[in-house]
Structures are given as structure tokens and as C-alpha cells.
N, C-alpha and C. Protein backbone atom coordinates (compact mmCIF):
# COMPACT_ATOMS: atom_id res chain seq x y z
N UNK A 1 22.13 9.93 16.08
CA UNK A 1 20.79 9.71 15.56
C UNK A 1 19.82 10.70 16.19
N UNK A 2 18.71 10.87 15.50
CA UNK A 2 17.65 11.76 15.96
C UNK A 2 16.33 11.02 15.94
N UNK A 3 15.44 11.43 16.82
CA UNK A 3 14.05 10.98 16.78
C UNK A 3 13.22 12.17 16.33
N UNK A 4 12.48 11.98 15.25
CA UNK A 4 11.58 13.01 14.75
C UNK A 4 10.16 12.61 15.06
N UNK A 5 9.40 13.57 15.53
CA UNK A 5 7.97 13.39 15.71
C UNK A 5 7.29 14.43 14.83
N UNK A 6 6.60 13.95 13.81
CA UNK A 6 5.86 14.83 12.91
C UNK A 6 4.39 14.76 13.28
N UNK A 7 3.80 15.90 13.57
CA UNK A 7 2.37 15.98 13.86
C UNK A 7 1.75 16.75 12.71
N UNK A 8 0.75 16.13 12.08
CA UNK A 8 0.22 16.75 10.87
C UNK A 8 -1.27 16.45 10.70
N UNK A 9 -1.95 17.35 9.99
CA UNK A 9 -3.36 17.18 9.66
C UNK A 9 -3.50 15.95 8.78
N UNK A 10 -4.46 15.10 9.09
CA UNK A 10 -4.65 13.87 8.34
C UNK A 10 -4.91 14.12 6.85
N UNK A 11 -5.38 15.31 6.51
CA UNK A 11 -5.68 15.64 5.12
C UNK A 11 -4.42 15.70 4.25
N UNK A 12 -3.26 15.88 4.87
CA UNK A 12 -2.02 15.96 4.09
C UNK A 12 -1.12 14.75 4.32
N UNK A 13 -1.71 13.66 4.76
CA UNK A 13 -0.95 12.45 5.05
C UNK A 13 -0.12 11.95 3.88
N UNK A 14 -0.70 11.96 2.69
CA UNK A 14 0.01 11.47 1.52
C UNK A 14 1.26 12.32 1.23
N UNK A 15 1.12 13.62 1.33
CA UNK A 15 2.26 14.53 1.10
C UNK A 15 3.37 14.31 2.12
N UNK A 16 2.98 14.12 3.38
CA UNK A 16 3.97 13.89 4.44
C UNK A 16 4.71 12.57 4.21
N UNK A 17 3.97 11.52 3.87
CA UNK A 17 4.60 10.22 3.64
C UNK A 17 5.53 10.26 2.43
N UNK A 18 5.14 10.95 1.36
CA UNK A 18 6.00 11.09 0.19
C UNK A 18 7.28 11.85 0.54
N UNK A 19 7.15 12.92 1.32
CA UNK A 19 8.31 13.71 1.71
C UNK A 19 9.28 12.87 2.54
N UNK A 20 8.77 12.13 3.52
CA UNK A 20 9.67 11.34 4.36
C UNK A 20 10.37 10.25 3.56
N UNK A 21 9.64 9.62 2.64
CA UNK A 21 10.25 8.58 1.80
C UNK A 21 11.36 9.16 0.93
N UNK A 22 11.14 10.35 0.39
CA UNK A 22 12.15 10.96 -0.48
C UNK A 22 13.39 11.40 0.30
N UNK A 23 13.26 11.54 1.63
CA UNK A 23 14.39 11.94 2.47
C UNK A 23 15.08 10.75 3.14
N UNK A 24 14.65 9.54 2.83
CA UNK A 24 15.29 8.35 3.38
C UNK A 24 14.61 7.76 4.59
N UNK A 25 13.44 8.25 4.94
CA UNK A 25 12.73 7.75 6.12
C UNK A 25 11.90 6.52 5.81
N UNK A 26 12.52 5.38 5.65
CA UNK A 26 11.81 4.17 5.28
C UNK A 26 11.07 3.51 6.43
N UNK A 27 11.60 3.59 7.63
CA UNK A 27 10.99 2.94 8.79
C UNK A 27 10.36 3.99 9.69
N UNK A 28 9.16 3.70 10.13
CA UNK A 28 8.44 4.68 10.95
C UNK A 28 7.38 3.98 11.78
N UNK A 29 6.85 4.72 12.74
CA UNK A 29 5.66 4.33 13.48
C UNK A 29 4.65 5.46 13.29
N UNK A 30 3.44 5.10 12.87
CA UNK A 30 2.41 6.12 12.63
C UNK A 30 1.24 5.87 13.57
N UNK A 31 0.78 6.95 14.17
CA UNK A 31 -0.39 6.90 15.04
C UNK A 31 -1.45 7.79 14.39
N UNK A 32 -2.55 7.19 14.00
CA UNK A 32 -3.61 7.92 13.29
C UNK A 32 -4.71 8.38 14.24
N UNK A 33 -5.37 9.46 13.83
CA UNK A 33 -6.59 9.90 14.50
C UNK A 33 -6.40 10.49 15.87
N UNK A 34 -5.40 11.34 16.03
CA UNK A 34 -5.20 11.98 17.34
C UNK A 34 -5.86 13.35 17.34
N UNK A 35 -6.10 13.84 18.51
CA UNK A 35 -6.76 15.13 18.68
C UNK A 35 -5.81 16.10 19.34
N UNK A 36 -6.01 17.40 19.08
CA UNK A 36 -5.17 18.39 19.72
C UNK A 36 -5.50 19.79 19.27
N UNK A 37 -4.73 20.71 19.81
CA UNK A 37 -4.89 22.12 19.51
C UNK A 37 -3.51 22.72 19.30
N UNK A 38 -3.35 23.42 18.19
CA UNK A 38 -2.09 24.08 17.89
C UNK A 38 -2.28 25.57 17.76
N UNK A 39 -1.21 26.30 18.03
CA UNK A 39 -1.28 27.74 17.96
C UNK A 39 -1.56 28.26 16.57
N UNK A 40 -1.05 27.58 15.54
CA UNK A 40 -1.28 28.04 14.17
C UNK A 40 -2.23 27.13 13.40
N UNK A 41 -2.36 25.87 13.82
CA UNK A 41 -3.18 24.92 13.06
C UNK A 41 -4.61 24.83 13.55
N UNK A 42 -4.90 25.39 14.71
CA UNK A 42 -6.25 25.35 15.24
C UNK A 42 -6.53 24.09 16.03
N UNK A 43 -7.80 23.88 16.33
CA UNK A 43 -8.24 22.76 17.15
C UNK A 43 -8.79 21.65 16.26
N UNK A 44 -8.37 20.43 16.53
CA UNK A 44 -8.83 19.25 15.81
C UNK A 44 -9.29 18.22 16.83
N UNK A 45 -10.61 18.10 16.98
CA UNK A 45 -11.16 17.16 17.97
C UNK A 45 -12.08 16.11 17.34
N UNK A 46 -12.19 16.12 16.02
CA UNK A 46 -13.02 15.12 15.35
C UNK A 46 -14.51 15.26 15.63
N UNK A 47 -14.95 16.47 15.97
CA UNK A 47 -16.36 16.71 16.26
C UNK A 47 -16.96 17.65 15.21
N UNK A 48 -18.27 17.85 15.29
CA UNK A 48 -18.90 18.80 14.37
C UNK A 48 -18.40 20.22 14.61
N UNK A 49 -18.18 20.56 15.84
CA UNK A 49 -17.72 21.91 16.17
C UNK A 49 -16.24 22.07 15.86
N UNK A 50 -15.44 21.07 16.19
CA UNK A 50 -13.99 21.10 15.94
C UNK A 50 -13.61 19.91 15.06
N UNK A 51 -13.90 20.00 13.75
CA UNK A 51 -13.64 18.85 12.87
C UNK A 51 -12.16 18.62 12.62
N UNK A 52 -11.89 17.48 12.07
CA UNK A 52 -10.52 17.13 11.68
C UNK A 52 -9.78 16.37 12.76
N UNK A 53 -8.77 15.67 12.32
CA UNK A 53 -7.89 14.92 13.21
C UNK A 53 -6.47 15.08 12.72
N UNK A 54 -5.54 14.74 13.58
CA UNK A 54 -4.13 14.76 13.23
C UNK A 54 -3.58 13.34 13.26
N UNK A 55 -2.39 13.19 12.72
CA UNK A 55 -1.63 11.94 12.82
C UNK A 55 -0.26 12.28 13.39
N UNK A 56 0.39 11.30 13.96
CA UNK A 56 1.77 11.44 14.43
C UNK A 56 2.61 10.41 13.69
N UNK A 57 3.78 10.85 13.23
CA UNK A 57 4.74 9.97 12.59
C UNK A 57 6.03 10.05 13.38
N UNK A 58 6.51 8.91 13.87
CA UNK A 58 7.77 8.84 14.61
C UNK A 58 8.80 8.17 13.73
N UNK A 59 9.98 8.80 13.61
CA UNK A 59 11.05 8.27 12.76
C UNK A 59 12.38 8.37 13.49
N UNK A 60 13.09 7.25 13.59
CA UNK A 60 14.47 7.24 14.10
C UNK A 60 15.38 7.32 12.87
N UNK A 61 16.12 8.43 12.73
CA UNK A 61 16.89 8.68 11.52
C UNK A 61 18.29 9.19 11.85
N UNK A 62 19.15 9.13 10.84
CA UNK A 62 20.49 9.69 11.01
C UNK A 62 20.40 11.21 11.08
N UNK A 63 21.47 11.85 11.52
CA UNK A 63 21.49 13.30 11.59
C UNK A 63 21.26 13.92 10.22
N UNK A 64 21.87 13.35 9.18
CA UNK A 64 21.70 13.87 7.82
C UNK A 64 20.26 13.73 7.34
N UNK A 65 19.65 12.57 7.61
CA UNK A 65 18.25 12.38 7.21
C UNK A 65 17.34 13.35 7.95
N UNK A 66 17.65 13.61 9.22
CA UNK A 66 16.85 14.56 10.00
C UNK A 66 16.91 15.95 9.37
N UNK A 67 18.09 16.38 8.95
CA UNK A 67 18.22 17.69 8.30
C UNK A 67 17.40 17.75 7.01
N UNK A 68 17.45 16.68 6.23
CA UNK A 68 16.67 16.64 4.99
C UNK A 68 15.18 16.70 5.28
N UNK A 69 14.74 15.97 6.30
CA UNK A 69 13.32 15.96 6.62
C UNK A 69 12.85 17.30 7.16
N UNK A 70 13.67 17.95 7.94
CA UNK A 70 13.29 19.28 8.45
C UNK A 70 13.16 20.27 7.30
N UNK A 71 14.06 20.17 6.33
CA UNK A 71 13.94 21.02 5.14
C UNK A 71 12.68 20.68 4.37
N UNK A 72 12.34 19.39 4.30
CA UNK A 72 11.12 18.97 3.63
C UNK A 72 9.87 19.48 4.33
N UNK A 73 9.89 19.47 5.67
CA UNK A 73 8.76 19.99 6.44
C UNK A 73 8.59 21.48 6.19
N UNK A 74 9.69 22.21 6.18
CA UNK A 74 9.61 23.65 5.91
C UNK A 74 9.01 23.91 4.53
N UNK A 75 9.40 23.11 3.56
CA UNK A 75 8.85 23.24 2.21
C UNK A 75 7.35 22.93 2.19
N UNK A 76 6.94 21.86 2.89
CA UNK A 76 5.52 21.53 2.96
C UNK A 76 4.72 22.66 3.60
N UNK A 77 5.27 23.24 4.65
CA UNK A 77 4.57 24.33 5.34
C UNK A 77 4.36 25.52 4.41
N UNK A 78 5.35 25.81 3.57
CA UNK A 78 5.20 26.91 2.61
C UNK A 78 4.16 26.57 1.56
N UNK A 79 4.18 25.33 1.09
CA UNK A 79 3.28 24.90 0.03
C UNK A 79 1.85 24.73 0.51
N UNK A 80 1.66 24.09 1.67
CA UNK A 80 0.33 23.73 2.14
C UNK A 80 -0.28 24.72 3.11
N UNK A 81 0.51 25.60 3.65
CA UNK A 81 0.01 26.65 4.53
C UNK A 81 -0.71 26.16 5.75
N UNK A 82 -1.98 26.52 5.86
CA UNK A 82 -2.74 26.32 7.09
C UNK A 82 -3.12 24.87 7.37
N UNK A 83 -2.87 23.94 6.48
CA UNK A 83 -3.26 22.56 6.72
C UNK A 83 -2.57 21.98 7.95
N UNK A 84 -1.35 22.40 8.23
CA UNK A 84 -0.72 22.06 9.49
C UNK A 84 0.20 20.86 9.47
N UNK A 85 1.48 21.13 9.68
CA UNK A 85 2.47 20.09 9.92
C UNK A 85 3.56 20.70 10.79
N UNK A 86 3.97 19.97 11.80
CA UNK A 86 4.97 20.47 12.72
C UNK A 86 5.94 19.34 13.04
N UNK A 87 7.23 19.67 13.17
CA UNK A 87 8.25 18.67 13.48
C UNK A 87 8.87 18.97 14.84
N UNK A 88 9.08 17.92 15.60
CA UNK A 88 9.77 17.99 16.88
C UNK A 88 10.95 17.01 16.80
N UNK A 89 12.12 17.42 17.27
CA UNK A 89 13.32 16.61 17.14
C UNK A 89 14.02 16.51 18.49
N UNK A 90 14.49 15.30 18.81
CA UNK A 90 15.34 15.13 19.98
C UNK A 90 16.40 14.10 19.70
N UNK A 91 17.46 14.14 20.49
CA UNK A 91 18.56 13.19 20.33
C UNK A 91 18.11 11.79 20.76
N UNK A 92 18.54 10.82 19.99
CA UNK A 92 18.21 9.43 20.24
C UNK A 92 19.47 8.74 20.72
N UNK A 93 19.50 8.33 21.97
CA UNK A 93 20.72 7.76 22.55
C UNK A 93 20.95 6.31 22.16
N UNK A 94 19.89 5.54 22.00
CA UNK A 94 20.07 4.12 21.68
C UNK A 94 18.83 3.55 21.04
N UNK A 95 19.02 2.54 20.21
CA UNK A 95 17.94 1.76 19.64
C UNK A 95 18.32 0.30 19.88
N UNK A 96 17.47 -0.44 20.56
CA UNK A 96 17.78 -1.85 20.85
C UNK A 96 16.69 -2.76 20.36
């Protein structure tokens, strides 16, 4: 199993959720309204100077689902460009 952490601009939340659902990611934990700075996505602090916020989506998925989602993220990045979505993946040893 894999744990995926998707960090994305809140403006593309619907697209991210649709992509994960189409790849089999039915169960998730979502954290809305986070702040941060990315090398390609810029700074999102929810202020007048640095507007915008990000969300985090955590998904525990099979290896096959992880591959599908990573392909989906790559496709979203090509389609949406600068709006910002990034995937981080690590091995998941156990779920209890």
C-alpha cells in the first residue's frame, strides 16, 4: 500500500476530487485552507498580498491505485498549469 499526500490550490478542488474518484480513491482525509509556498506554485497565505489557500488530501491506496493517481496528477498539471497540484508518496506499512 501507499500513502498519497496531494497538495493543491483550493481553486482546483473539484478537478482533484473527480480525478481521485475516477482512480479508485474513495476514502480520504481532506484538510482545507492551508498555507504555504511552492517553487512553482508560488506563495499562498490567504492575505491581500499573498492570496489563495491550498488543501491537502491524504489517501491510503493500493500500489495500482497510486500509479493511476500519479498519472492523473500529471495529466492535471498539464491541463491546469500554474494552478498548482503536487503529489507526495510513501510506503504505508500498516492500517489499523
